[in-house]
Amino acid sequence: MTLSIEDRLAIEDLYRRWCVTIDDGDDQGWADTFTDDGVFRLTTYPVEAIGRDALVAMAKQVYQHDQGLNRHQCYNILLTPDGDEVRGRCDALVLELRTGGDARIINTCRYADRIVRDARGWVFAERIITWDTPDIPVQPKVEGGMVLPRN
């Protein structure tokens, strides 16, 4: 498969939608960036969400924890066609907004993605995340979410 310019732009928009929806607390919109059986997995800790219900639950937990103060950013996006799928890779950072308008980087990571086209367009079938900052403590939740302590 060859990726057209339109496909590349649509997939890059998918990356942006993923960031904006998680930051805005749009748990349904965030889950919509995945297939119905989509997988979100963090390799640094035993955290994963598989399927729409678990993805929605994770998005709710992340927003509740972040209190709307975090901004995810994906960059260095590389897309490689692989049969009917696309393999994606990107680097990401998470900024935390602070009182007085300051911001600080609280995490950097790398994503390995499997992207497919369904009736809605391009969506993530799987996102595997490896944090560059593994010293951030995580408390896995039974329902597939995660809670990060506020510093």
N, C-alpha and C. Protein backbone atom coordinates (compact mmCIF):
# COMPACT_ATOMS: atom_id res chain seq x y z
N MET A 1 0.83 -1.17 0.00
CA MET A 1 0.00 0.00 0.00
C MET A 1 0.88 1.24 0.00
N THR A 2 0.49 2.22 -0.74
CA THR A 2 1.13 3.52 -0.73
C THR A 2 0.21 4.50 -0.02
N LEU A 3 0.78 5.34 0.84
CA LEU A 3 -0.02 6.34 1.53
C LEU A 3 -0.11 7.60 0.68
N SER A 4 -1.33 8.02 0.41
CA SER A 4 -1.53 9.27 -0.31
C SER A 4 -1.29 10.43 0.65
N ILE A 5 -1.17 11.60 0.08
CA ILE A 5 -1.05 12.82 0.91
C ILE A 5 -2.28 12.94 1.81
N GLU A 6 -3.46 12.64 1.26
CA GLU A 6 -4.71 12.72 2.04
C GLU A 6 -4.67 11.75 3.22
N ASP A 7 -4.18 10.52 2.99
CA ASP A 7 -4.07 9.54 4.07
C ASP A 7 -3.10 10.03 5.14
N ARG A 8 -1.96 10.54 4.71
CA ARG A 8 -0.98 11.03 5.67
C ARG A 8 -1.55 12.17 6.51
N LEU A 9 -2.25 13.09 5.88
CA LEU A 9 -2.85 14.20 6.63
C LEU A 9 -3.92 13.70 7.59
N ALA A 10 -4.71 12.73 7.16
CA ALA A 10 -5.75 12.17 8.02
C ALA A 10 -5.13 11.47 9.23
N ILE A 11 -4.04 10.75 9.03
CA ILE A 11 -3.39 10.06 10.14
C ILE A 11 -2.73 11.07 11.08
N GLU A 12 -2.11 12.10 10.54
CA GLU A 12 -1.54 13.13 11.40
C GLU A 12 -2.64 13.82 12.21
N ASP A 13 -3.81 14.00 11.60
CA ASP A 13 -4.95 14.57 12.33
C ASP A 13 -5.39 13.61 13.45
N LEU A 14 -5.33 12.31 13.20
CA LEU A 14 -5.65 11.32 14.23
C LEU A 14 -4.74 11.52 15.45
N TYR A 15 -3.46 11.70 15.22
CA TYR A 15 -2.53 11.95 16.32
C TYR A 15 -2.94 13.20 17.10
N ARG A 16 -3.30 14.25 16.38
CA ARG A 16 -3.71 15.50 17.05
C ARG A 16 -4.99 15.30 17.85
N ARG A 17 -5.97 14.59 17.25
CA ARG A 17 -7.24 14.33 17.95
C ARG A 17 -7.01 13.53 19.22
N TRP A 18 -6.10 12.57 19.15
CA TRP A 18 -5.78 11.76 20.33
C TRP A 18 -5.30 12.67 21.46
N CYS A 19 -4.41 13.59 21.17
CA CYS A 19 -3.87 14.50 22.20
C CYS A 19 -4.95 15.44 22.74
N VAL A 20 -5.67 16.08 21.85
CA VAL A 20 -6.66 17.07 22.26
C VAL A 20 -7.78 16.45 23.08
N THR A 21 -8.27 15.28 22.67
CA THR A 21 -9.39 14.68 23.39
C THR A 21 -8.99 14.23 24.79
N ILE A 22 -7.80 13.67 24.96
CA ILE A 22 -7.38 13.25 26.30
C ILE A 22 -7.17 14.47 27.19
N ASP A 23 -6.63 15.56 26.63
CA ASP A 23 -6.40 16.77 27.41
C ASP A 23 -7.69 17.50 27.76
N ASP A 24 -8.70 17.41 26.90
CA ASP A 24 -9.97 18.10 27.12
C ASP A 24 -10.97 17.28 27.94
N GLY A 25 -10.61 16.05 28.30
CA GLY A 25 -11.52 15.22 29.07
C GLY A 25 -12.64 14.62 28.24
N ASP A 26 -12.43 14.53 26.94
CA ASP A 26 -13.43 13.95 26.03
C ASP A 26 -13.16 12.45 25.93
N ASP A 27 -13.62 11.69 26.94
CA ASP A 27 -13.29 10.27 27.01
C ASP A 27 -13.88 9.49 25.84
N GLN A 28 -15.08 9.85 25.39
CA GLN A 28 -15.69 9.17 24.25
C GLN A 28 -14.92 9.49 22.96
N GLY A 29 -14.55 10.77 22.79
CA GLY A 29 -13.77 11.16 21.62
C GLY A 29 -12.40 10.50 21.59
N TRP A 30 -11.79 10.35 22.77
CA TRP A 30 -10.49 9.68 22.86
C TRP A 30 -10.63 8.22 22.47
N ALA A 31 -11.66 7.55 22.99
CA ALA A 31 -11.90 6.15 22.63
C ALA A 31 -12.21 6.02 21.14
N ASP A 32 -12.81 7.04 20.55
CA ASP A 32 -13.11 7.02 19.11
C ASP A 32 -11.85 7.03 18.25
N THR A 33 -10.70 7.39 18.82
CA THR A 33 -9.46 7.37 18.04
C THR A 33 -8.91 5.95 17.91
N PHE A 34 -9.57 4.99 18.57
CA PHE A 34 -9.17 3.58 18.54
C PHE A 34 -10.24 2.74 17.85
N THR A 35 -9.84 1.54 17.41
CA THR A 35 -10.82 0.55 16.98
C THR A 35 -11.62 0.13 18.22
N ASP A 36 -12.76 -0.51 18.01
CA ASP A 36 -13.59 -0.93 19.15
C ASP A 36 -12.86 -1.90 20.07
N ASP A 37 -11.91 -2.65 19.52
CA ASP A 37 -11.11 -3.57 20.33
C ASP A 37 -9.67 -3.06 20.49
N GLY A 38 -9.52 -1.74 20.39
CA GLY A 38 -8.21 -1.12 20.44
C GLY A 38 -7.45 -1.39 21.73
N VAL A 39 -6.12 -1.28 21.62
CA VAL A 39 -5.23 -1.56 22.74
C VAL A 39 -4.37 -0.33 23.02
N PHE A 40 -4.31 0.07 24.28
CA PHE A 40 -3.42 1.12 24.76
C PHE A 40 -2.58 0.47 25.85
N ARG A 41 -1.27 0.40 25.64
CA ARG A 41 -0.41 -0.33 26.59
C ARG A 41 0.81 0.53 26.93
N LEU A 42 1.11 0.57 28.21
CA LEU A 42 2.29 1.25 28.70
C LEU A 42 3.30 0.19 29.08
N THR A 43 4.46 0.16 28.41
CA THR A 43 5.44 -0.90 28.66
C THR A 43 6.23 -0.68 29.94
N THR A 44 6.34 0.55 30.37
CA THR A 44 7.15 0.87 31.52
C THR A 44 6.54 0.33 32.81
N TYR A 45 5.23 0.19 32.83
CA TYR A 45 4.48 -0.33 33.97
C TYR A 45 3.39 -1.26 33.44
N PRO A 46 2.86 -2.12 34.30
CA PRO A 46 1.80 -3.03 33.84
C PRO A 46 0.45 -2.33 33.72
N VAL A 47 0.33 -1.43 32.77
CA VAL A 47 -0.90 -0.68 32.55
C VAL A 47 -1.35 -0.90 31.13
N GLU A 48 -2.62 -1.31 30.97
CA GLU A 48 -3.16 -1.41 29.62
C GLU A 48 -4.68 -1.28 29.67
N ALA A 49 -5.22 -0.87 28.56
CA ALA A 49 -6.66 -0.82 28.36
C ALA A 49 -6.94 -1.48 27.02
N ILE A 50 -7.85 -2.44 27.03
CA ILE A 50 -8.19 -3.16 25.80
C ILE A 50 -9.70 -3.08 25.62
N GLY A 51 -10.13 -2.55 24.49
CA GLY A 51 -11.55 -2.43 24.20
C GLY A 51 -12.10 -1.08 24.62
N ARG A 52 -13.21 -0.72 24.01
CA ARG A 52 -13.78 0.61 24.18
C ARG A 52 -14.08 0.96 25.64
N ASP A 53 -14.70 0.06 26.39
CA ASP A 53 -15.06 0.37 27.78
C ASP A 53 -13.83 0.68 28.62
N ALA A 54 -12.78 -0.10 28.46
CA ALA A 54 -11.54 0.13 29.21
C ALA A 54 -10.86 1.42 28.76
N LEU A 55 -10.93 1.73 27.48
CA LEU A 55 -10.34 2.97 26.97
C LEU A 55 -11.07 4.19 27.53
N VAL A 56 -12.39 4.14 27.55
CA VAL A 56 -13.18 5.24 28.12
C VAL A 56 -12.84 5.41 29.60
N ALA A 57 -12.78 4.29 30.34
CA ALA A 57 -12.46 4.35 31.77
C ALA A 57 -11.08 4.96 31.99
N MET A 58 -10.11 4.58 31.16
CA MET A 58 -8.76 5.12 31.31
C MET A 58 -8.75 6.62 31.05
N ALA A 59 -9.42 7.05 29.99
CA ALA A 59 -9.46 8.48 29.67
C ALA A 59 -10.09 9.28 30.81
N LYS A 60 -11.15 8.75 31.41
CA LYS A 60 -11.78 9.43 32.54
C LYS A 60 -10.81 9.55 33.70
N GLN A 61 -10.08 8.48 34.01
CA GLN A 61 -9.13 8.50 35.11
C GLN A 61 -7.99 9.48 34.85
N VAL A 62 -7.49 9.49 33.65
CA VAL A 62 -6.38 10.40 33.31
C VAL A 62 -6.83 11.85 33.47
N TYR A 63 -8.01 12.18 32.93
CA TYR A 63 -8.49 13.57 33.03
C TYR A 63 -8.77 13.95 34.48
N GLN A 64 -9.37 13.04 35.23
CA GLN A 64 -9.66 13.34 36.63
C GLN A 64 -8.36 13.60 37.39
N HIS A 65 -7.35 12.80 37.11
CA HIS A 65 -6.06 13.00 37.77
C HIS A 65 -5.39 14.29 37.32
N ASP A 66 -5.39 14.55 36.01
CA ASP A 66 -4.69 15.71 35.46
C ASP A 66 -5.42 17.02 35.70
N GLN A 67 -6.70 16.94 36.01
CA GLN A 67 -7.53 18.12 36.27
C GLN A 67 -7.52 19.10 35.10
N GLY A 68 -7.34 18.57 33.90
CA GLY A 68 -7.35 19.43 32.71
C GLY A 68 -6.11 20.28 32.56
N LEU A 69 -5.05 19.98 33.31
CA LEU A 69 -3.85 20.82 33.30
C LEU A 69 -2.73 20.28 32.41
N ASN A 70 -2.90 19.11 31.82
CA ASN A 70 -1.83 18.54 31.00
C ASN A 70 -2.09 18.75 29.52
N ARG A 71 -1.01 18.87 28.77
CA ARG A 71 -1.07 19.02 27.32
C ARG A 71 -0.14 18.00 26.69
N HIS A 72 -0.73 17.02 26.01
CA HIS A 72 0.05 16.01 25.28
C HIS A 72 0.44 16.57 23.92
N GLN A 73 1.64 16.26 23.49
CA GLN A 73 2.11 16.67 22.17
C GLN A 73 2.86 15.53 21.52
N CYS A 74 2.42 15.13 20.32
CA CYS A 74 3.11 14.11 19.53
C CYS A 74 3.88 14.80 18.42
N TYR A 75 5.10 14.38 18.19
CA TYR A 75 5.94 14.98 17.15
C TYR A 75 6.87 13.91 16.60
N ASN A 76 7.62 14.26 15.58
CA ASN A 76 8.49 13.30 14.88
C ASN A 76 7.70 12.07 14.42
N ILE A 77 6.55 12.32 13.84
CA ILE A 77 5.67 11.23 13.41
C ILE A 77 6.23 10.60 12.14
N LEU A 78 6.47 9.29 12.20
CA LEU A 78 6.91 8.52 11.04
C LEU A 78 5.85 7.48 10.72
N LEU A 79 5.45 7.41 9.45
CA LEU A 79 4.41 6.48 9.02
C LEU A 79 4.96 5.54 7.97
N THR A 80 4.75 4.23 8.18
CA THR A 80 5.25 3.22 7.25
C THR A 80 4.12 2.28 6.89
N PRO A 81 3.73 2.23 5.61
CA PRO A 81 2.70 1.27 5.20
C PRO A 81 3.16 -0.16 5.46
N ASP A 82 2.22 -1.01 5.90
CA ASP A 82 2.53 -2.40 6.21
C ASP A 82 1.30 -3.23 5.83
N GLY A 83 1.23 -3.63 4.57
CA GLY A 83 0.04 -4.33 4.09
C GLY A 83 -1.15 -3.38 4.12
N ASP A 84 -2.24 -3.81 4.79
CA ASP A 84 -3.44 -2.97 4.90
C ASP A 84 -3.37 -2.02 6.08
N GLU A 85 -2.29 -2.08 6.83
CA GLU A 85 -2.13 -1.25 8.01
C GLU A 85 -1.02 -0.23 7.80
N VAL A 86 -0.88 0.63 8.78
CA VAL A 86 0.22 1.59 8.81
C VAL A 86 0.88 1.45 10.17
N ARG A 87 2.19 1.38 10.16
CA ARG A 87 2.96 1.41 11.41
C ARG A 87 3.35 2.86 11.65
N GLY A 88 3.04 3.34 12.83
CA GLY A 88 3.39 4.71 13.18
C GLY A 88 4.35 4.71 14.34
N ARG A 89 5.15 5.74 14.36
CA ARG A 89 6.07 5.95 15.48
C ARG A 89 6.13 7.44 15.71
N CYS A 90 6.13 7.82 16.97
CA CYS A 90 6.29 9.24 17.29
C CYS A 90 6.93 9.38 18.65
N ASP A 91 7.48 10.54 18.87
CA ASP A 91 7.92 10.94 20.19
C ASP A 91 6.82 11.82 20.76
N ALA A 92 6.78 11.91 22.08
CA ALA A 92 5.75 12.74 22.71
C ALA A 92 6.28 13.33 23.99
N LEU A 93 5.67 14.42 24.38
CA LEU A 93 5.94 14.99 25.69
C LEU A 93 4.63 15.44 26.28
N VAL A 94 4.63 15.53 27.60
CA VAL A 94 3.45 15.99 28.31
C VAL A 94 3.87 17.21 29.13
N LEU A 95 3.16 18.31 28.89
CA LEU A 95 3.39 19.53 29.65
C LEU A 95 2.32 19.63 30.73
N GLU A 96 2.71 20.13 31.90
CA GLU A 96 1.76 20.43 32.95
C GLU A 96 1.70 21.94 33.11
N LEU A 97 0.49 22.48 32.97
CA LEU A 97 0.28 23.91 33.16
C LEU A 97 0.26 24.20 34.65
N ARG A 98 0.86 25.32 35.02
CA ARG A 98 0.97 25.65 36.43
C ARG A 98 0.40 27.03 36.70
N THR A 99 0.18 27.31 37.96
CA THR A 99 -0.32 28.62 38.37
C THR A 99 0.60 29.71 37.85
N GLY A 100 0.01 30.78 37.35
CA GLY A 100 0.80 31.89 36.84
C GLY A 100 1.17 31.73 35.38
N GLY A 101 0.69 30.67 34.73
CA GLY A 101 0.94 30.49 33.31
C GLY A 101 2.19 29.71 32.98
N ASP A 102 2.97 29.33 33.98
CA ASP A 102 4.15 28.53 33.71
C ASP A 102 3.76 27.12 33.31
N ALA A 103 4.65 26.44 32.63
CA ALA A 103 4.45 25.03 32.27
C ALA A 103 5.77 24.30 32.48
N ARG A 104 5.66 23.00 32.74
CA ARG A 104 6.87 22.19 32.86
C ARG A 104 6.63 20.87 32.15
N ILE A 105 7.70 20.30 31.63
CA ILE A 105 7.63 18.98 31.02
C ILE A 105 7.59 17.96 32.16
N ILE A 106 6.57 17.12 32.16
CA ILE A 106 6.48 16.09 33.21
C ILE A 106 6.76 14.70 32.68
N ASN A 107 6.80 14.54 31.35
CA ASN A 107 7.10 13.22 30.81
C ASN A 107 7.48 13.33 29.35
N THR A 108 8.36 12.46 28.93
CA THR A 108 8.65 12.26 27.51
C THR A 108 8.53 10.77 27.25
N CYS A 109 8.14 10.43 26.05
CA CYS A 109 7.93 9.02 25.74
C CYS A 109 7.97 8.79 24.23
N ARG A 110 7.91 7.52 23.86
CA ARG A 110 7.88 7.11 22.45
C ARG A 110 6.70 6.16 22.27
N TYR A 111 5.96 6.37 21.18
CA TYR A 111 4.81 5.54 20.84
C TYR A 111 5.14 4.67 19.63
N ALA A 112 4.70 3.43 19.69
CA ALA A 112 4.73 2.52 18.54
C ALA A 112 3.28 2.18 18.25
N ASP A 113 2.81 2.52 17.06
CA ASP A 113 1.38 2.44 16.75
C ASP A 113 1.10 1.51 15.58
N ARG A 114 -0.05 0.86 15.67
CA ARG A 114 -0.61 0.11 14.55
C ARG A 114 -1.92 0.81 14.20
N ILE A 115 -1.99 1.31 12.97
CA ILE A 115 -3.10 2.16 12.53
C ILE A 115 -3.82 1.46 11.39
N VAL A 116 -5.14 1.44 11.48
CA VAL A 116 -5.96 0.78 10.45
C VAL A 116 -7.06 1.73 10.01
N ARG A 117 -7.63 1.40 8.86
CA ARG A 117 -8.77 2.18 8.37
C ARG A 117 -10.04 1.36 8.59
N ASP A 118 -11.03 2.00 9.24
CA ASP A 118 -12.33 1.36 9.37
C ASP A 118 -13.38 2.30 8.79
N ALA A 119 -14.64 2.06 9.08
CA ALA A 119 -15.73 2.88 8.49
C ALA A 119 -15.62 4.35 8.89
N ARG A 120 -14.95 4.64 10.01
CA ARG A 120 -14.79 6.03 10.47
C ARG A 120 -13.58 6.72 9.87
N GLY A 121 -12.69 5.95 9.27
CA GLY A 121 -11.43 6.50 8.76
C GLY A 121 -10.27 5.82 9.46
N TRP A 122 -9.14 6.52 9.57
CA TRP A 122 -7.95 5.97 10.20
C TRP A 122 -8.08 6.03 11.71
N VAL A 123 -7.78 4.91 12.38
CA VAL A 123 -7.85 4.81 13.84
C VAL A 123 -6.70 3.94 14.35
N PHE A 124 -6.41 4.08 15.61
CA PHE A 124 -5.38 3.25 16.23
C PHE A 124 -5.96 1.88 16.57
N ALA A 125 -5.29 0.83 16.13
CA ALA A 125 -5.63 -0.52 16.58
C ALA A 125 -4.84 -0.82 17.84
N GLU A 126 -3.65 -0.22 17.93
CA GLU A 126 -2.79 -0.46 19.08
C GLU A 126 -1.82 0.70 19.24
N ARG A 127 -1.65 1.14 20.49
CA ARG A 127 -0.65 2.15 20.85
C ARG A 127 0.17 1.58 22.00
N ILE A 128 1.45 1.43 21.77
CA ILE A 128 2.35 0.92 22.81
C ILE A 128 3.30 2.06 23.17
N ILE A 129 3.30 2.41 24.44
CA ILE A 129 4.04 3.58 24.91
C ILE A 129 5.18 3.14 25.83
N THR A 130 6.35 3.70 25.59
CA THR A 130 7.49 3.50 26.47
C THR A 130 7.93 4.86 26.98
N TRP A 131 7.84 5.04 28.29
CA TRP A 131 8.25 6.30 28.89
C TRP A 131 9.76 6.41 28.92
N ASP A 132 10.28 7.61 28.70
CA ASP A 132 11.69 7.90 28.87
C ASP A 132 12.00 8.21 30.33
N THR A 133 10.96 8.46 31.12
CA THR A 133 11.10 8.85 32.51
C THR A 133 10.43 7.79 33.39
N PRO A 134 11.05 6.61 33.52
CA PRO A 134 10.41 5.50 34.23
C PRO A 134 10.32 5.67 35.74
N ASP A 135 10.86 6.75 36.28
CA ASP A 135 10.81 6.93 37.73
C ASP A 135 9.49 7.53 38.21
N ILE A 136 8.58 7.85 37.28
CA ILE A 136 7.28 8.38 37.67
C ILE A 136 6.44 7.22 38.19
N PRO A 137 6.02 7.27 39.47
CA PRO A 137 5.26 6.14 40.02
C PRO A 137 3.86 6.05 39.42
N VAL A 138 3.41 4.83 39.19
CA VAL A 138 2.08 4.58 38.63
C VAL A 138 1.39 3.55 39.50
N GLN A 139 0.11 3.74 39.71
CA GLN A 139 -0.70 2.77 40.44
C GLN A 139 -1.70 2.18 39.46
N PRO A 140 -1.47 0.95 38.95
CA PRO A 140 -2.43 0.36 38.01
C PRO A 140 -3.78 0.16 38.66
N LYS A 141 -4.84 0.34 37.90
CA LYS A 141 -6.20 0.12 38.35
C LYS A 141 -6.74 -1.13 37.68
N VAL A 142 -7.65 -1.80 38.36
CA VAL A 142 -8.21 -3.04 37.84
C VAL A 142 -8.89 -2.84 36.50
N GLU A 143 -9.59 -1.70 36.32
CA GLU A 143 -10.34 -1.48 35.09
C GLU A 143 -9.46 -1.04 33.92
N GLY A 144 -8.16 -1.16 34.06
CA GLY A 144 -7.26 -0.89 32.95
C GLY A 144 -6.74 0.53 32.89
N GLY A 145 -7.08 1.37 33.86
CA GLY A 145 -6.62 2.75 33.85
C GLY A 145 -5.36 2.91 34.66
N MET A 146 -4.96 4.15 34.87
CA MET A 146 -3.78 4.41 35.67
C MET A 146 -3.98 5.72 36.40
N VAL A 147 -3.33 5.84 37.53
CA VAL A 147 -3.37 7.07 38.30
C VAL A 147 -1.94 7.49 38.56
N LEU A 148 -1.62 8.69 38.19
CA LEU A 148 -0.28 9.23 38.41
C LEU A 148 -0.34 10.23 39.56
N PRO A 149 0.55 10.12 40.54
CA PRO A 149 0.52 11.08 41.65
C PRO A 149 0.92 12.47 41.18
N ARG A 150 0.28 13.47 41.70
CA ARG A 150 0.60 14.88 41.40
C ARG A 150 1.80 15.30 42.22
N ASN A 151 2.74 15.96 41.59
CA ASN A 151 3.90 16.46 42.33
C ASN A 151 3.62 17.86 42.82
